[in-house]
Structures are given as C-alpha cells and as structure tokens.
Amino acid sequence: MLAEGFARIFFRNCVATGEVYPCDLTERLCDVLKTGDVVTVDLDQASVQVEGTGKTYKFKPLGDVRAVVDTGGLFNYARQSGMIPANP
C-alpha cells in the first residue's frame, strides 16, 4: 500500500499480520496519478514507476520490517528466526 503516511497502529498491524507492505511516499502522488494509470512498485528499489510517462518516484525503504512482512507476519518471522519454537 502506498500512502503519504500511516497511523502508527495501522502501520504496526500491516507488519504484524504480514498482509500489506506499508510504503510511505516521499512525494504527493495523488496529484500526479489519474484513475486508470498503471504503475510498477519495486520494493527492492523503493520506487514507483508510472508506465505511461516512465517517471519514477521514490518511497521510504521498508528497512527491517520488510523481512517480517515477507515471512507473513510477526509470529511467522519469530518462528523462522528461532525467537519462538515452531509448532510441534
């Protein structure tokens, strides 16, 4: 999900459940994008490319929370990293 910002509790819930990548934009894209525009989001490069114009916009890198979301949430991450025992 791309947004200019997130309420702290929403951001933490995105990470804890591992369902949504909360990406904070550094620019106001709602003034740039129109309904129907196709974009490509690159999590590795922390960028959004608009297919029609070829312009690329950056967002704040996810940092350490990306690994948590990648594994499907906080409990899966804790199990995979050995923080808590895996289910028997």
N, C-alpha and C. Protein backbone atom coordinates (compact mmCIF):
# COMPACT_ATOMS: atom_id res chain seq x y z
N MET A 1 0.84 -1.15 0.00
CA MET A 1 0.00 0.00 0.00
C MET A 1 0.89 1.23 0.00
N LEU A 2 0.60 2.15 -0.85
CA LEU A 2 1.33 3.41 -0.93
C LEU A 2 0.49 4.53 -0.34
N ALA A 3 1.09 5.31 0.54
CA ALA A 3 0.37 6.44 1.14
C ALA A 3 1.38 7.48 1.59
N GLU A 4 0.89 8.69 1.82
CA GLU A 4 1.76 9.75 2.32
C GLU A 4 2.14 9.53 3.77
N GLY A 5 1.41 8.72 4.45
CA GLY A 5 1.69 8.41 5.84
C GLY A 5 0.65 7.43 6.37
N PHE A 6 0.96 6.83 7.48
CA PHE A 6 0.06 5.86 8.09
C PHE A 6 -0.08 6.16 9.57
N ALA A 7 -1.27 5.92 10.10
CA ALA A 7 -1.43 5.96 11.55
C ALA A 7 -0.54 4.86 12.12
N ARG A 8 0.09 5.12 13.22
CA ARG A 8 1.04 4.17 13.80
C ARG A 8 0.43 2.79 14.01
N ILE A 9 -0.80 2.74 14.51
CA ILE A 9 -1.42 1.44 14.77
C ILE A 9 -1.68 0.68 13.46
N PHE A 10 -2.06 1.39 12.40
CA PHE A 10 -2.28 0.74 11.11
C PHE A 10 -0.97 0.18 10.56
N PHE A 11 0.10 0.98 10.65
CA PHE A 11 1.41 0.54 10.19
C PHE A 11 1.83 -0.74 10.92
N ARG A 12 1.70 -0.73 12.23
CA ARG A 12 2.10 -1.90 13.04
C ARG A 12 1.23 -3.11 12.73
N ASN A 13 -0.05 -2.90 12.48
CA ASN A 13 -0.92 -4.02 12.12
C ASN A 13 -0.54 -4.60 10.75
N CYS A 14 -0.16 -3.75 9.81
CA CYS A 14 0.29 -4.24 8.50
C CYS A 14 1.49 -5.16 8.66
N VAL A 15 2.43 -4.75 9.48
CA VAL A 15 3.65 -5.54 9.71
C VAL A 15 3.31 -6.80 10.49
N ALA A 16 2.55 -6.67 11.56
CA ALA A 16 2.25 -7.81 12.44
C ALA A 16 1.49 -8.92 11.71
N THR A 17 0.58 -8.55 10.82
CA THR A 17 -0.19 -9.57 10.11
C THR A 17 0.49 -10.03 8.84
N GLY A 18 1.43 -9.24 8.33
CA GLY A 18 2.16 -9.61 7.12
C GLY A 18 1.32 -9.61 5.86
N GLU A 19 0.26 -8.85 5.85
CA GLU A 19 -0.65 -8.85 4.71
C GLU A 19 -0.42 -7.69 3.74
N VAL A 20 0.17 -6.59 4.23
CA VAL A 20 0.32 -5.39 3.41
C VAL A 20 1.70 -4.79 3.66
N TYR A 21 2.38 -4.38 2.59
CA TYR A 21 3.64 -3.63 2.71
C TYR A 21 3.27 -2.16 2.86
N PRO A 22 3.48 -1.54 4.02
CA PRO A 22 3.13 -0.13 4.21
C PRO A 22 4.26 0.78 3.72
N CYS A 23 4.11 1.34 2.54
CA CYS A 23 5.16 2.15 1.92
C CYS A 23 4.81 3.63 2.03
N ASP A 24 5.65 4.37 2.75
CA ASP A 24 5.47 5.82 2.92
C ASP A 24 6.07 6.56 1.73
N LEU A 25 5.23 7.29 1.03
CA LEU A 25 5.70 8.07 -0.12
C LEU A 25 6.48 9.30 0.33
N THR A 26 7.41 9.72 -0.49
CA THR A 26 8.14 10.95 -0.21
C THR A 26 7.60 12.11 -1.04
N GLU A 27 6.72 11.79 -1.99
CA GLU A 27 6.09 12.82 -2.83
C GLU A 27 4.58 12.57 -2.86
N ARG A 28 3.84 13.60 -3.17
CA ARG A 28 2.38 13.52 -3.21
C ARG A 28 1.93 13.00 -4.57
N LEU A 29 1.75 11.69 -4.69
CA LEU A 29 1.41 11.09 -5.98
C LEU A 29 -0.06 11.24 -6.36
N CYS A 30 -0.91 11.55 -5.41
CA CYS A 30 -2.32 11.72 -5.77
C CYS A 30 -2.51 12.93 -6.68
N ASP A 31 -1.53 13.84 -6.72
CA ASP A 31 -1.59 14.97 -7.65
C ASP A 31 -1.02 14.60 -9.02
N VAL A 32 -0.33 13.47 -9.11
CA VAL A 32 0.34 13.04 -10.34
C VAL A 32 -0.46 11.96 -11.06
N LEU A 33 -0.95 11.00 -10.31
CA LEU A 33 -1.63 9.84 -10.90
C LEU A 33 -3.10 10.12 -11.16
N LYS A 34 -3.60 9.49 -12.21
CA LYS A 34 -5.01 9.58 -12.57
C LYS A 34 -5.61 8.18 -12.51
N THR A 35 -6.91 8.09 -12.36
CA THR A 35 -7.60 6.81 -12.38
C THR A 35 -7.25 6.07 -13.67
N GLY A 36 -6.85 4.83 -13.55
CA GLY A 36 -6.50 4.02 -14.70
C GLY A 36 -5.02 3.98 -15.02
N ASP A 37 -4.22 4.86 -14.39
CA ASP A 37 -2.78 4.81 -14.60
C ASP A 37 -2.23 3.48 -14.08
N VAL A 38 -1.29 2.94 -14.81
CA VAL A 38 -0.64 1.69 -14.42
C VAL A 38 0.72 2.03 -13.84
N VAL A 39 1.01 1.48 -12.66
CA VAL A 39 2.29 1.73 -12.02
C VAL A 39 2.94 0.40 -11.66
N THR A 40 4.26 0.43 -11.54
CA THR A 40 5.01 -0.73 -11.09
C THR A 40 5.72 -0.32 -9.81
N VAL A 41 5.49 -1.10 -8.75
CA VAL A 41 6.12 -0.84 -7.46
C VAL A 41 7.29 -1.80 -7.31
N ASP A 42 8.46 -1.27 -7.04
CA ASP A 42 9.68 -2.06 -6.83
C ASP A 42 10.10 -1.91 -5.38
N LEU A 43 9.83 -2.94 -4.57
CA LEU A 43 10.17 -2.86 -3.15
C LEU A 43 11.67 -2.82 -2.92
N ASP A 44 12.44 -3.50 -3.78
CA ASP A 44 13.89 -3.52 -3.62
C ASP A 44 14.51 -2.14 -3.86
N GLN A 45 13.99 -1.41 -4.83
CA GLN A 45 14.50 -0.08 -5.16
C GLN A 45 13.73 1.04 -4.45
N ALA A 46 12.67 0.67 -3.71
CA ALA A 46 11.81 1.64 -3.02
C ALA A 46 11.34 2.70 -4.01
N SER A 47 10.74 2.21 -5.11
CA SER A 47 10.32 3.15 -6.15
C SER A 47 9.00 2.73 -6.78
N VAL A 48 8.36 3.72 -7.39
CA VAL A 48 7.12 3.53 -8.15
C VAL A 48 7.36 4.13 -9.52
N GLN A 49 7.13 3.33 -10.56
CA GLN A 49 7.30 3.84 -11.92
C GLN A 49 5.93 3.91 -12.58
N VAL A 50 5.64 5.06 -13.18
CA VAL A 50 4.39 5.26 -13.90
C VAL A 50 4.62 4.79 -15.33
N GLU A 51 3.87 3.78 -15.73
CA GLU A 51 4.09 3.17 -17.05
C GLU A 51 3.88 4.15 -18.20
N GLY A 52 2.88 5.00 -18.12
CA GLY A 52 2.57 5.91 -19.22
C GLY A 52 3.63 6.98 -19.46
N THR A 53 4.25 7.46 -18.39
CA THR A 53 5.23 8.55 -18.52
C THR A 53 6.67 8.07 -18.34
N GLY A 54 6.84 6.92 -17.71
CA GLY A 54 8.18 6.42 -17.43
C GLY A 54 8.83 7.09 -16.23
N LYS A 55 8.12 8.03 -15.60
CA LYS A 55 8.68 8.72 -14.44
C LYS A 55 8.73 7.77 -13.24
N THR A 56 9.76 7.96 -12.43
CA THR A 56 9.94 7.13 -11.23
C THR A 56 9.92 8.02 -10.00
N TYR A 57 9.21 7.56 -8.98
CA TYR A 57 9.10 8.27 -7.72
C TYR A 57 9.58 7.33 -6.62
N LYS A 58 10.18 7.91 -5.60
CA LYS A 58 10.73 7.12 -4.51
C LYS A 58 9.77 7.08 -3.32
N PHE A 59 9.91 6.03 -2.52
CA PHE A 59 9.26 5.99 -1.22
C PHE A 59 10.27 5.54 -0.19
N LYS A 60 9.94 5.73 1.08
CA LYS A 60 10.87 5.39 2.15
C LYS A 60 11.09 3.88 2.16
N PRO A 61 12.34 3.44 2.21
CA PRO A 61 12.61 2.00 2.27
C PRO A 61 11.94 1.37 3.50
N LEU A 62 11.53 0.12 3.36
CA LEU A 62 10.85 -0.56 4.45
C LEU A 62 11.79 -0.94 5.58
N GLY A 63 13.06 -1.10 5.29
CA GLY A 63 14.03 -1.43 6.34
C GLY A 63 13.77 -2.80 6.95
N ASP A 64 13.92 -2.89 8.26
CA ASP A 64 13.81 -4.17 8.97
C ASP A 64 12.41 -4.78 8.92
N VAL A 65 11.38 -3.96 8.74
CA VAL A 65 10.03 -4.52 8.75
C VAL A 65 9.73 -5.35 7.50
N ARG A 66 10.50 -5.16 6.45
CA ARG A 66 10.23 -5.92 5.22
C ARG A 66 10.36 -7.42 5.46
N ALA A 67 11.37 -7.84 6.20
CA ALA A 67 11.56 -9.27 6.47
C ALA A 67 10.37 -9.84 7.23
N VAL A 68 9.79 -9.06 8.11
CA VAL A 68 8.62 -9.52 8.87
C VAL A 68 7.43 -9.71 7.95
N VAL A 69 7.17 -8.74 7.08
CA VAL A 69 6.05 -8.85 6.15
C VAL A 69 6.30 -9.97 5.14
N ASP A 70 7.55 -10.09 4.66
CA ASP A 70 7.90 -11.15 3.71
C ASP A 70 7.57 -12.54 4.24
N THR A 71 7.76 -12.75 5.53
CA THR A 71 7.53 -14.08 6.11
C THR A 71 6.08 -14.30 6.51
N GLY A 72 5.24 -13.30 6.34
CA GLY A 72 3.82 -13.49 6.64
C GLY A 72 3.39 -12.99 7.99
N GLY A 73 4.19 -12.15 8.61
CA GLY A 73 3.78 -11.54 9.87
C GLY A 73 4.73 -11.84 11.01
N LEU A 74 4.41 -11.25 12.13
CA LEU A 74 5.28 -11.29 13.29
C LEU A 74 5.50 -12.69 13.83
N PHE A 75 4.45 -13.48 13.95
CA PHE A 75 4.60 -14.83 14.52
C PHE A 75 5.39 -15.74 13.58
N ASN A 76 5.13 -15.66 12.28
CA ASN A 76 5.91 -16.47 11.33
C ASN A 76 7.38 -16.06 11.36
N TYR A 77 7.63 -14.77 11.43
CA TYR A 77 9.01 -14.28 11.50
C TYR A 77 9.70 -14.79 12.77
N ALA A 78 9.01 -14.72 13.88
CA ALA A 78 9.59 -15.18 15.15
C ALA A 78 9.88 -16.67 15.12
N ARG A 79 9.00 -17.45 14.50
CA ARG A 79 9.24 -18.89 14.38
C ARG A 79 10.44 -19.18 13.48
N GLN A 80 10.49 -18.51 12.32
CA GLN A 80 11.56 -18.76 11.37
C GLN A 80 12.92 -18.29 11.88
N SER A 81 12.93 -17.26 12.70
CA SER A 81 14.20 -16.75 13.22
C SER A 81 14.60 -17.41 14.53
N GLY A 82 13.76 -18.32 15.04
CA GLY A 82 14.08 -19.03 16.27
C GLY A 82 13.74 -18.27 17.54
N MET A 83 13.04 -17.17 17.44
CA MET A 83 12.66 -16.40 18.62
C MET A 83 11.64 -17.14 19.47
N ILE A 84 10.76 -17.88 18.80
CA ILE A 84 9.81 -18.75 19.50
C ILE A 84 9.86 -20.12 18.82
N PRO A 85 9.55 -21.19 19.55
CA PRO A 85 9.62 -22.52 18.94
C PRO A 85 8.56 -22.70 17.87
N ALA A 86 8.91 -23.46 16.85
CA ALA A 86 7.95 -23.80 15.80
C ALA A 86 6.90 -24.73 16.37
N ASN A 87 5.74 -24.76 15.75
CA ASN A 87 4.67 -25.67 16.21
C ASN A 87 5.16 -27.11 16.10
N PRO A 88 4.86 -27.94 17.13
CA PRO A 88 5.28 -29.35 17.07
C PRO A 88 4.58 -30.15 16.03
